[in-house]
Amino acid sequence: MSDIHEKLAYMEFYMRENALEHMPVEREMLFYNYVKNGDLDGVNESFNALGSKGFGVLSDDKLRNLKYHLIITIAFITRFCVEGGMERETAYNLSDLYIRRTDKAQTAEQINDLHKSLILDFTRRMSAIKRAVPYSKPIIQCFEYIYNHLNEKITLNTIAESIGLSPAYLSRLFHKETGKTVKEYILDKRIETACNMLMYSEYDAADIGEFLAFSSHSHFIEAFKKRMNMTPREYRNKNFHASSGIKGGVKNSV
């Protein structure tokens, strides 16, 4: 502990002598609130590049220092967005994906590109959430059930039973509030999840289709192409790690 106290005293002296200071907490919290509220203009106005004035030194290694700051940023943004209404699992899965990409980054340029990309991603998602029509509690429960069981066979009856409603009533309510049938919504969510897995993981497309409970690989390809106008392989070749410039050993499949 004495070593920590000694180093802290030195750091405080050094920063005073060199007129250095960390970013004010109020300014930092304002930025995270802009992300939370989906305010792209506010985010752009208050954005600070990693490593610029106000960021502390967390490592003598410049690249590792940027990585540490980016991981802290991801953690804060994730929690602010959950508080703002983003689905908890969606937020934390995004967080995990961006942290893994941070870990793989090999240059400062990749880290800075990833920093901008994740901020825009979370902010745009929050903007869409804020614009969305609020759903009733049963429909929100449906969303949560579907999200948590995408890797299993899901039926209207199992969902209705889990939330204590009749299948017929739930079907009418779901279509009224979302404009989709339960079956259509489940398929949309599976394709959306498949897109994320194709972009951010190295799982083979056949494994992704099996994990998401498609009846066969050909069924997965057919459903994916119908929604995305391209095969899973074409989608991966076009989008895999595209925003960060990080390429990896991808198992290309149909």
C-alpha atoms as a PDB file:
ATOM      1  CA  MET A   1       0.000   0.000   0.000  1.00  0.00           C
ATOM      2  CA  SER A   2       2.841   2.405   0.765  1.00  0.00           C
ATOM      3  CA  ASP A   3       4.079   1.970  -2.798  1.00  0.00           C
ATOM      4  CA  ILE A   4       0.639   2.944  -4.135  1.00  0.00           C
ATOM      5  CA  HIS A   5       0.502   6.028  -1.899  1.00  0.00           C
ATOM      6  CA  GLU A   6       3.980   7.062  -3.023  1.00  0.00           C
ATOM      7  CA  LYS A   7       3.150   6.676  -6.719  1.00  0.00           C
ATOM      8  CA  LEU A   8      -0.158   8.506  -6.294  1.00  0.00           C
ATOM      9  CA  ALA A   9       1.593  11.440  -4.651  1.00  0.00           C
ATOM     10  CA  TYR A  10       4.126  11.563  -7.477  1.00  0.00           C
ATOM     11  CA  MET A  11       1.426  11.429 -10.160  1.00  0.00           C
ATOM     12  CA  GLU A  12      -0.522  14.264  -8.527  1.00  0.00           C
ATOM     13  CA  PHE A  13       2.662  16.369  -8.312  1.00  0.00           C
ATOM     14  CA  TYR A  14       3.589  15.578 -11.934  1.00  0.00           C
ATOM     15  CA  MET A  15       0.152  16.518 -13.264  1.00  0.00           C
ATOM     16  CA  ARG A  16       0.069  19.801 -11.318  1.00  0.00           C
ATOM     17  CA  GLU A  17       3.575  20.716 -12.485  1.00  0.00           C
ATOM     18  CA  ASN A  18       2.684  20.019 -16.112  1.00  0.00           C
ATOM     19  CA  ALA A  19      -0.819  21.530 -15.994  1.00  0.00           C
ATOM     20  CA  LEU A  20      -2.395  18.179 -16.804  1.00  0.00           C
ATOM     21  CA  GLU A  21      -5.829  17.022 -15.745  1.00  0.00           C
ATOM     22  CA  HIS A  22      -8.336  14.295 -16.511  1.00  0.00           C
ATOM     23  CA  MET A  23     -11.515  15.002 -18.423  1.00  0.00           C
ATOM     24  CA  PRO A  24     -14.188  16.520 -16.116  1.00  0.00           C
ATOM     25  CA  VAL A  25     -16.682  13.906 -14.935  1.00  0.00           C
ATOM     26  CA  GLU A  26     -19.622  16.113 -15.983  1.00  0.00           C
ATOM     27  CA  ARG A  27     -18.360  16.290 -19.554  1.00  0.00           C
ATOM     28  CA  GLU A  28     -17.731  12.549 -19.662  1.00  0.00           C
ATOM     29  CA  MET A  29     -21.209  11.742 -18.320  1.00  0.00           C
ATOM     30  CA  LEU A  30     -22.770  14.174 -20.806  1.00  0.00           C
ATOM     31  CA  PHE A  31     -21.186  12.220 -23.660  1.00  0.00           C
ATOM     32  CA  TYR A  32     -22.503   8.882 -22.364  1.00  0.00           C
ATOM     33  CA  ASN A  33     -25.948  10.395 -21.952  1.00  0.00           C
ATOM     34  CA  TYR A  34     -25.885  11.536 -25.586  1.00  0.00           C
ATOM     35  CA  VAL A  35     -25.228   7.904 -26.582  1.00  0.00           C
ATOM     36  CA  LYS A  36     -27.939   6.675 -24.198  1.00  0.00           C
ATOM     37  CA  ASN A  37     -30.470   9.086 -25.736  1.00  0.00           C
ATOM     38  CA  GLY A  38     -29.513   8.243 -29.323  1.00  0.00           C
ATOM     39  CA  ASP A  39     -28.400  11.836 -29.930  1.00  0.00           C
ATOM     40  CA  LEU A  40     -25.976  11.637 -32.877  1.00  0.00           C
ATOM     41  CA  ASP A  41     -25.477  15.422 -33.024  1.00  0.00           C
ATOM     42  CA  GLY A  42     -24.564  15.534 -29.332  1.00  0.00           C
ATOM     43  CA  VAL A  43     -22.218  12.573 -29.717  1.00  0.00           C
ATOM     44  CA  ASN A  44     -20.432  14.194 -32.671  1.00  0.00           C
ATOM     45  CA  GLU A  45     -20.045  17.495 -30.828  1.00  0.00           C
ATOM     46  CA  SER A  46     -18.670  15.934 -27.634  1.00  0.00           C
ATOM     47  CA  PHE A  47     -16.588  13.137 -29.176  1.00  0.00           C
ATOM     48  CA  ASN A  48     -12.957  12.894 -28.070  1.00  0.00           C
ATOM     49  CA  ALA A  49     -10.492  10.550 -29.735  1.00  0.00           C
ATOM     50  CA  LEU A  50      -8.876   7.990 -27.461  1.00  0.00           C
ATOM     51  CA  GLY A  51      -5.575   9.196 -26.076  1.00  0.00           C
ATOM     52  CA  SER A  52      -6.391  12.879 -26.565  1.00  0.00           C
ATOM     53  CA  LYS A  53      -6.221  15.486 -23.791  1.00  0.00           C
ATOM     54  CA  GLY A  54      -8.027  14.375 -20.656  1.00  0.00           C
ATOM     55  CA  PHE A  55      -7.312  10.666 -20.994  1.00  0.00           C
ATOM     56  CA  GLY A  56      -5.049   9.196 -18.344  1.00  0.00           C
ATOM     57  CA  VAL A  57      -2.100   6.896 -18.974  1.00  0.00           C
ATOM     58  CA  LEU A  58      -3.077   3.332 -18.070  1.00  0.00           C
ATOM     59  CA  SER A  59      -0.069   1.616 -19.649  1.00  0.00           C
ATOM     60  CA  ASP A  60       3.381   2.613 -20.881  1.00  0.00           C
ATOM     61  CA  ASP A  61       2.631   0.600 -23.997  1.00  0.00           C
ATOM     62  CA  LYS A  62       0.772   2.996 -26.311  1.00  0.00           C
ATOM     63  CA  LEU A  63      -1.369   0.359 -28.012  1.00  0.00           C
ATOM     64  CA  ARG A  64      -2.285  -1.321 -24.728  1.00  0.00           C
ATOM     65  CA  ASN A  65      -3.130   2.081 -23.262  1.00  0.00           C
ATOM     66  CA  LEU A  66      -5.618   2.705 -26.086  1.00  0.00           C
ATOM     67  CA  LYS A  67      -7.099  -0.766 -25.655  1.00  0.00           C
ATOM     68  CA  TYR A  68      -7.653  -0.214 -21.927  1.00  0.00           C
ATOM     69  CA  HIS A  69      -9.394   3.099 -22.576  1.00  0.00           C
ATOM     70  CA  LEU A  70     -11.569   1.556 -25.279  1.00  0.00           C
ATOM     71  CA  ILE A  71     -12.653  -1.299 -23.000  1.00  0.00           C
ATOM     72  CA  ILE A  72     -13.588   1.207 -20.288  1.00  0.00           C
ATOM     73  CA  THR A  73     -15.590   3.183 -22.852  1.00  0.00           C
ATOM     74  CA  ILE A  74     -17.404   0.042 -23.993  1.00  0.00           C
ATOM     75  CA  ALA A  75     -18.272  -0.862 -20.389  1.00  0.00           C
ATOM     76  CA  PHE A  76     -19.729   2.578 -19.652  1.00  0.00           C
ATOM     77  CA  ILE A  77     -21.673   2.810 -22.920  1.00  0.00           C
ATOM     78  CA  THR A  78     -23.130  -0.662 -22.397  1.00  0.00           C
ATOM     79  CA  ARG A  79     -24.456   0.170 -18.956  1.00  0.00           C
ATOM     80  CA  PHE A  80     -25.836   3.554 -20.006  1.00  0.00           C
ATOM     81  CA  CYS A  81     -27.651   1.944 -22.949  1.00  0.00           C
ATOM     82  CA  VAL A  82     -29.177  -0.783 -20.762  1.00  0.00           C
ATOM     83  CA  GLU A  83     -30.403   1.967 -18.465  1.00  0.00           C
ATOM     84  CA  GLY A  84     -31.811   3.762 -21.523  1.00  0.00           C
ATOM     85  CA  GLY A  85     -33.894   0.797 -22.665  1.00  0.00           C
ATOM     86  CA  MET A  86     -31.658  -1.459 -24.761  1.00  0.00           C
ATOM     87  CA  GLU A  87     -32.282  -5.169 -24.197  1.00  0.00           C
ATOM     88  CA  ARG A  88     -29.789  -6.286 -21.571  1.00  0.00           C
ATOM     89  CA  GLU A  89     -28.586  -9.348 -23.475  1.00  0.00           C
ATOM     90  CA  THR A  90     -28.241  -7.379 -26.712  1.00  0.00           C
ATOM     91  CA  ALA A  91     -26.178  -4.714 -24.951  1.00  0.00           C
ATOM     92  CA  TYR A  92     -23.874  -7.162 -23.187  1.00  0.00           C
ATOM     93  CA  ASN A  93     -23.429  -9.332 -26.271  1.00  0.00           C
ATOM     94  CA  LEU A  94     -22.472  -6.226 -28.263  1.00  0.00           C
ATOM     95  CA  SER A  95     -20.071  -5.322 -25.477  1.00  0.00           C
ATOM     96  CA  ASP A  96     -18.455  -8.759 -25.611  1.00  0.00           C
ATOM     97  CA  LEU A  97     -18.118  -8.586 -29.394  1.00  0.00           C
ATOM     98  CA  TYR A  98     -16.462  -5.177 -29.351  1.00  0.00           C
ATOM     99  CA  ILE A  99     -14.118  -6.137 -26.513  1.00  0.00           C
ATOM    100  CA  ARG A 100     -13.009  -9.241 -28.414  1.00  0.00           C
ATOM    101  CA  ARG A 101     -12.374  -7.110 -31.500  1.00  0.00           C
ATOM    102  CA  THR A 102     -10.414  -4.688 -29.340  1.00  0.00           C
ATOM    103  CA  ASP A 103      -8.294  -7.564 -28.092  1.00  0.00           C
ATOM    104  CA  LYS A 104      -7.491  -8.604 -31.685  1.00  0.00           C
ATOM    105  CA  ALA A 105      -6.600  -5.095 -32.882  1.00  0.00           C
ATOM    106  CA  GLN A 106      -2.954  -4.677 -33.826  1.00  0.00           C
ATOM    107  CA  THR A 107      -2.638  -0.945 -34.572  1.00  0.00           C
ATOM    108  CA  ALA A 108      -3.728   2.369 -33.080  1.00  0.00           C
ATOM    109  CA  GLU A 109      -5.634   3.084 -36.289  1.00  0.00           C
ATOM    110  CA  GLN A 110      -7.704  -0.073 -35.852  1.00  0.00           C
ATOM    111  CA  ILE A 111      -8.476   0.870 -32.243  1.00  0.00           C
ATOM    112  CA  ASN A 112      -9.564   4.387 -33.200  1.00  0.00           C
ATOM    113  CA  ASP A 113     -11.710   3.115 -36.073  1.00  0.00           C
ATOM    114  CA  LEU A 114     -13.313   0.600 -33.723  1.00  0.00           C
ATOM    115  CA  HIS A 115     -13.913   3.358 -31.155  1.00  0.00           C
ATOM    116  CA  LYS A 116     -15.852   5.461 -33.660  1.00  0.00           C
ATOM    117  CA  SER A 117     -17.701   2.434 -35.029  1.00  0.00           C
ATOM    118  CA  LEU A 118     -18.996   1.178 -31.687  1.00  0.00           C
ATOM    119  CA  ILE A 119     -20.106   4.657 -30.569  1.00  0.00           C
ATOM    120  CA  LEU A 120     -22.115   5.136 -33.763  1.00  0.00           C
ATOM    121  CA  ASP A 121     -23.492   1.601 -33.507  1.00  0.00           C
ATOM    122  CA  PHE A 122     -24.762   2.010 -29.940  1.00  0.00           C
ATOM    123  CA  THR A 123     -26.037   5.544 -30.580  1.00  0.00           C
ATOM    124  CA  ARG A 124     -27.986   4.531 -33.694  1.00  0.00           C
ATOM    125  CA  ARG A 125     -29.464   1.549 -31.887  1.00  0.00           C
ATOM    126  CA  MET A 126     -30.562   3.810 -29.030  1.00  0.00           C
ATOM    127  CA  SER A 127     -32.011   6.310 -31.504  1.00  0.00           C
ATOM    128  CA  ALA A 128     -34.121   3.526 -33.032  1.00  0.00           C
ATOM    129  CA  ILE A 129     -35.254   2.418 -29.570  1.00  0.00           C
ATOM    130  CA  LYS A 130     -36.306   5.952 -28.647  1.00  0.00           C
ATOM    131  CA  ARG A 131     -38.314   6.273 -31.886  1.00  0.00           C
ATOM    132  CA  ALA A 132     -40.021   2.913 -31.478  1.00  0.00           C
ATOM    133  CA  VAL A 133     -43.629   2.646 -30.403  1.00  0.00           C
ATOM    134  CA  PRO A 134     -43.774   1.341 -26.811  1.00  0.00           C
ATOM    135  CA  TYR A 135     -44.995  -2.229 -26.522  1.00  0.00           C
ATOM    136  CA  SER A 136     -47.284  -3.767 -23.918  1.00  0.00           C
ATOM    137  CA  LYS A 137     -45.827  -5.946 -21.169  1.00  0.00           C
ATOM    138  CA  PRO A 138     -46.926  -9.278 -22.780  1.00  0.00           C
ATOM    139  CA  ILE A 139     -45.231  -8.360 -26.051  1.00  0.00           C
ATOM    140  CA  ILE A 140     -42.036  -7.355 -24.277  1.00  0.00           C
ATOM    141  CA  GLN A 141     -42.169 -10.728 -22.494  1.00  0.00           C
ATOM    142  CA  CYS A 142     -42.544 -12.365 -25.916  1.00  0.00           C
ATOM    143  CA  PHE A 143     -39.460 -10.556 -27.192  1.00  0.00           C
ATOM    144  CA  GLU A 144     -37.457 -11.694 -24.175  1.00  0.00           C
ATOM    145  CA  TYR A 145     -38.611 -15.297 -24.479  1.00  0.00           C
ATOM    146  CA  ILE A 146     -37.773 -15.418 -28.184  1.00  0.00           C
ATOM    147  CA  TYR A 147     -34.369 -13.800 -27.642  1.00  0.00           C
ATOM    148  CA  ASN A 148     -33.464 -16.310 -24.930  1.00  0.00           C
ATOM    149  CA  HIS A 149     -34.579 -19.354 -26.953  1.00  0.00           C
ATOM    150  CA  LEU A 150     -33.379 -18.581 -30.501  1.00  0.00           C
ATOM    151  CA  ASN A 151     -31.253 -21.727 -30.413  1.00  0.00           C
ATOM    152  CA  GLU A 152     -34.302 -23.888 -29.678  1.00  0.00           C
ATOM    153  CA  LYS A 153     -37.542 -24.770 -31.421  1.00  0.00           C
ATOM    154  CA  ILE A 154     -40.034 -22.008 -30.549  1.00  0.00           C
ATOM    155  CA  THR A 155     -43.788 -22.238 -31.024  1.00  0.00           C
ATOM    156  CA  LEU A 156     -46.632 -19.860 -30.339  1.00  0.00           C
ATOM    157  CA  ASN A 157     -47.964 -22.317 -27.765  1.00  0.00           C
ATOM    158  CA  THR A 158     -44.713 -22.439 -25.764  1.00  0.00           C
ATOM    159  CA  ILE A 159     -44.464 -18.642 -25.704  1.00  0.00           C
ATOM    160  CA  ALA A 160     -48.122 -18.238 -24.710  1.00  0.00           C
ATOM    161  CA  GLU A 161     -47.731 -20.781 -21.931  1.00  0.00           C
ATOM    162  CA  SER A 162     -44.606 -19.039 -20.591  1.00  0.00           C
ATOM    163  CA  ILE A 163     -46.411 -15.701 -20.177  1.00  0.00           C
ATOM    164  CA  GLY A 164     -49.816 -17.033 -19.198  1.00  0.00           C
ATOM    165  CA  LEU A 165     -51.916 -16.081 -22.236  1.00  0.00           C
ATOM    166  CA  SER A 166     -53.930 -18.104 -24.723  1.00  0.00           C
ATOM    167  CA  PRO A 167     -52.166 -18.686 -28.076  1.00  0.00           C
ATOM    168  CA  ALA A 168     -55.037 -17.114 -30.022  1.00  0.00           C
ATOM    169  CA  TYR A 169     -55.082 -13.934 -27.932  1.00  0.00           C
ATOM    170  CA  LEU A 170     -51.297 -13.626 -27.997  1.00  0.00           C
ATOM    171  CA  SER A 171     -51.242 -14.083 -31.772  1.00  0.00           C
ATOM    172  CA  ARG A 172     -53.753 -11.260 -32.301  1.00  0.00           C
ATOM    173  CA  LEU A 173     -52.026  -8.957 -29.818  1.00  0.00           C
ATOM    174  CA  PHE A 174     -48.580  -9.601 -31.276  1.00  0.00           C
ATOM    175  CA  HIS A 175     -49.691  -8.853 -34.833  1.00  0.00           C
ATOM    176  CA  LYS A 176     -51.578  -5.753 -33.719  1.00  0.00           C
ATOM    177  CA  GLU A 177     -48.547  -4.245 -31.955  1.00  0.00           C
ATOM    178  CA  THR A 178     -45.714  -5.346 -34.243  1.00  0.00           C
ATOM    179  CA  GLY A 179     -47.382  -5.755 -37.629  1.00  0.00           C
ATOM    180  CA  LYS A 180     -45.836  -9.228 -37.865  1.00  0.00           C
ATOM    181  CA  THR A 181     -46.822 -12.752 -36.946  1.00  0.00           C
ATOM    182  CA  VAL A 182     -44.889 -14.456 -34.171  1.00  0.00           C
ATOM    183  CA  LYS A 183     -43.370 -16.801 -36.755  1.00  0.00           C
ATOM    184  CA  GLU A 184     -42.190 -13.905 -38.936  1.00  0.00           C
ATOM    185  CA  TYR A 185     -40.657 -12.133 -35.954  1.00  0.00           C
ATOM    186  CA  ILE A 186     -38.791 -15.269 -34.838  1.00  0.00           C
ATOM    187  CA  LEU A 187     -37.362 -15.742 -38.329  1.00  0.00           C
ATOM    188  CA  ASP A 188     -36.326 -12.078 -38.525  1.00  0.00           C
ATOM    189  CA  LYS A 189     -34.500 -12.373 -35.201  1.00  0.00           C
ATOM    190  CA  ARG A 190     -32.754 -15.562 -36.265  1.00  0.00           C
ATOM    191  CA  ILE A 191     -31.559 -13.954 -39.498  1.00  0.00           C
ATOM    192  CA  GLU A 192     -30.452 -10.842 -37.583  1.00  0.00           C
ATOM    193  CA  THR A 193     -28.482 -13.034 -35.158  1.00  0.00           C
ATOM    194  CA  ALA A 194     -26.997 -14.999 -38.051  1.00  0.00           C
ATOM    195  CA  CYS A 195     -25.803 -11.726 -39.622  1.00  0.00           C
ATOM    196  CA  ASN A 196     -24.037 -10.758 -36.396  1.00  0.00           C
ATOM    197  CA  MET A 197     -22.411 -14.182 -36.098  1.00  0.00           C
ATOM    198  CA  LEU A 198     -21.259 -14.072 -39.717  1.00  0.00           C
ATOM    199  CA  MET A 199     -19.755 -10.622 -39.199  1.00  0.00           C
ATOM    200  CA  TYR A 200     -18.163 -11.060 -35.776  1.00  0.00           C
ATOM    201  CA  SER A 201     -17.347 -14.753 -35.386  1.00  0.00           C
ATOM    202  CA  GLU A 202     -15.567 -17.441 -37.337  1.00  0.00           C
ATOM    203  CA  TYR A 203     -18.280 -20.073 -36.957  1.00  0.00           C
ATOM    204  CA  ASP A 204     -19.063 -21.950 -40.146  1.00  0.00           C
ATOM    205  CA  ALA A 205     -22.386 -20.967 -41.732  1.00  0.00           C
ATOM    206  CA  ALA A 206     -23.671 -24.532 -41.372  1.00  0.00           C
ATOM    207  CA  ASP A 207     -22.941 -24.415 -37.634  1.00  0.00           C
ATOM    208  CA  ILE A 208     -24.684 -21.038 -37.335  1.00  0.00           C
ATOM    209  CA  GLY A 209     -27.794 -22.388 -39.045  1.00  0.00           C
ATOM    210  CA  GLU A 210     -27.820 -25.436 -36.786  1.00  0.00           C
ATOM    211  CA  PHE A 211     -27.284 -23.339 -33.651  1.00  0.00           C
ATOM    212  CA  LEU A 212     -30.233 -21.110 -34.597  1.00  0.00           C
ATOM    213  CA  ALA A 213     -32.509 -24.144 -34.936  1.00  0.00           C
ATOM    214  CA  PHE A 214     -33.041 -24.077 -38.697  1.00  0.00           C
ATOM    215  CA  SER A 215     -34.318 -27.469 -39.861  1.00  0.00           C
ATOM    216  CA  SER A 216     -31.448 -27.917 -42.326  1.00  0.00           C
ATOM    217  CA  HIS A 217     -28.534 -26.048 -43.882  1.00  0.00           C
ATOM    218  CA  SER A 218     -30.479 -25.621 -47.121  1.00  0.00           C
ATOM    219  CA  HIS A 219     -33.403 -24.136 -45.165  1.00  0.00           C
ATOM    220  CA  PHE A 220     -31.000 -21.669 -43.514  1.00  0.00           C
ATOM    221  CA  ILE A 221     -29.536 -20.617 -46.881  1.00  0.00           C
ATOM    222  CA  GLU A 222     -32.970 -20.223 -48.435  1.00  0.00           C
ATOM    223  CA  ALA A 223     -34.355 -18.165 -45.534  1.00  0.00           C
ATOM    224  CA  PHE A 224     -31.211 -16.034 -45.317  1.00  0.00           C
ATOM    225  CA  LYS A 225     -31.139 -15.287 -49.041  1.00  0.00           C
ATOM    226  CA  LYS A 226     -34.831 -14.386 -49.053  1.00  0.00           C
ATOM    227  CA  ARG A 227     -34.268 -11.790 -46.279  1.00  0.00           C
ATOM    228  CA  MET A 228     -30.800 -10.499 -47.212  1.00  0.00           C
ATOM    229  CA  ASN A 229     -30.709 -10.990 -51.015  1.00  0.00           C
ATOM    230  CA  MET A 230     -27.442 -12.905 -50.733  1.00  0.00           C
ATOM    231  CA  THR A 231     -26.182 -16.199 -49.336  1.00  0.00           C
ATOM    232  CA  PRO A 232     -24.518 -16.428 -45.889  1.00  0.00           C
ATOM    233  CA  ARG A 233     -21.121 -16.797 -47.562  1.00  0.00           C
ATOM    234  CA  GLU A 234     -21.656 -13.713 -49.717  1.00  0.00           C
ATOM    235  CA  TYR A 235     -22.769 -11.761 -46.656  1.00  0.00           C
ATOM    236  CA  ARG A 236     -19.675 -12.812 -44.694  1.00  0.00           C
ATOM    237  CA  ASN A 237     -17.301 -11.988 -47.541  1.00  0.00           C
ATOM    238  CA  LYS A 238     -18.840  -8.528 -47.789  1.00  0.00           C
ATOM    239  CA  ASN A 239     -19.136  -7.682 -44.087  1.00  0.00           C
ATOM    240  CA  PHE A 240     -16.739  -9.701 -41.940  1.00  0.00           C
ATOM    241  CA  HIS A 241     -14.920  -7.228 -39.664  1.00  0.00           C
ATOM    242  CA  ALA A 242     -15.309  -4.623 -42.413  1.00  0.00           C
ATOM    243  CA  SER A 243     -15.736  -1.642 -40.094  1.00  0.00           C
ATOM    244  CA  SER A 244     -12.496  -2.177 -38.190  1.00  0.00           C
ATOM    245  CA  GLY A 245     -10.257  -3.355 -41.001  1.00  0.00           C
ATOM    246  CA  ILE A 246      -9.454  -6.499 -39.021  1.00  0.00           C
ATOM    247  CA  LYS A 247      -9.417  -9.628 -41.102  1.00  0.00           C
ATOM    248  CA  GLY A 248      -9.150 -13.139 -39.802  1.00  0.00           C
ATOM    249  CA  GLY A 249      -9.143 -16.750 -40.827  1.00  0.00           C
ATOM    250  CA  VAL A 250     -12.737 -17.214 -41.853  1.00  0.00           C
ATOM    251  CA  LYS A 251     -14.110 -20.580 -42.821  1.00  0.00           C
ATOM    252  CA  ASN A 252     -16.017 -19.684 -45.965  1.00  0.00           C
ATOM    253  CA  SER A 253     -19.115 -21.732 -46.568  1.00  0.00           C
ATOM    254  CA  VAL A 254     -22.274 -21.406 -48.594  1.00  0.00           C
END
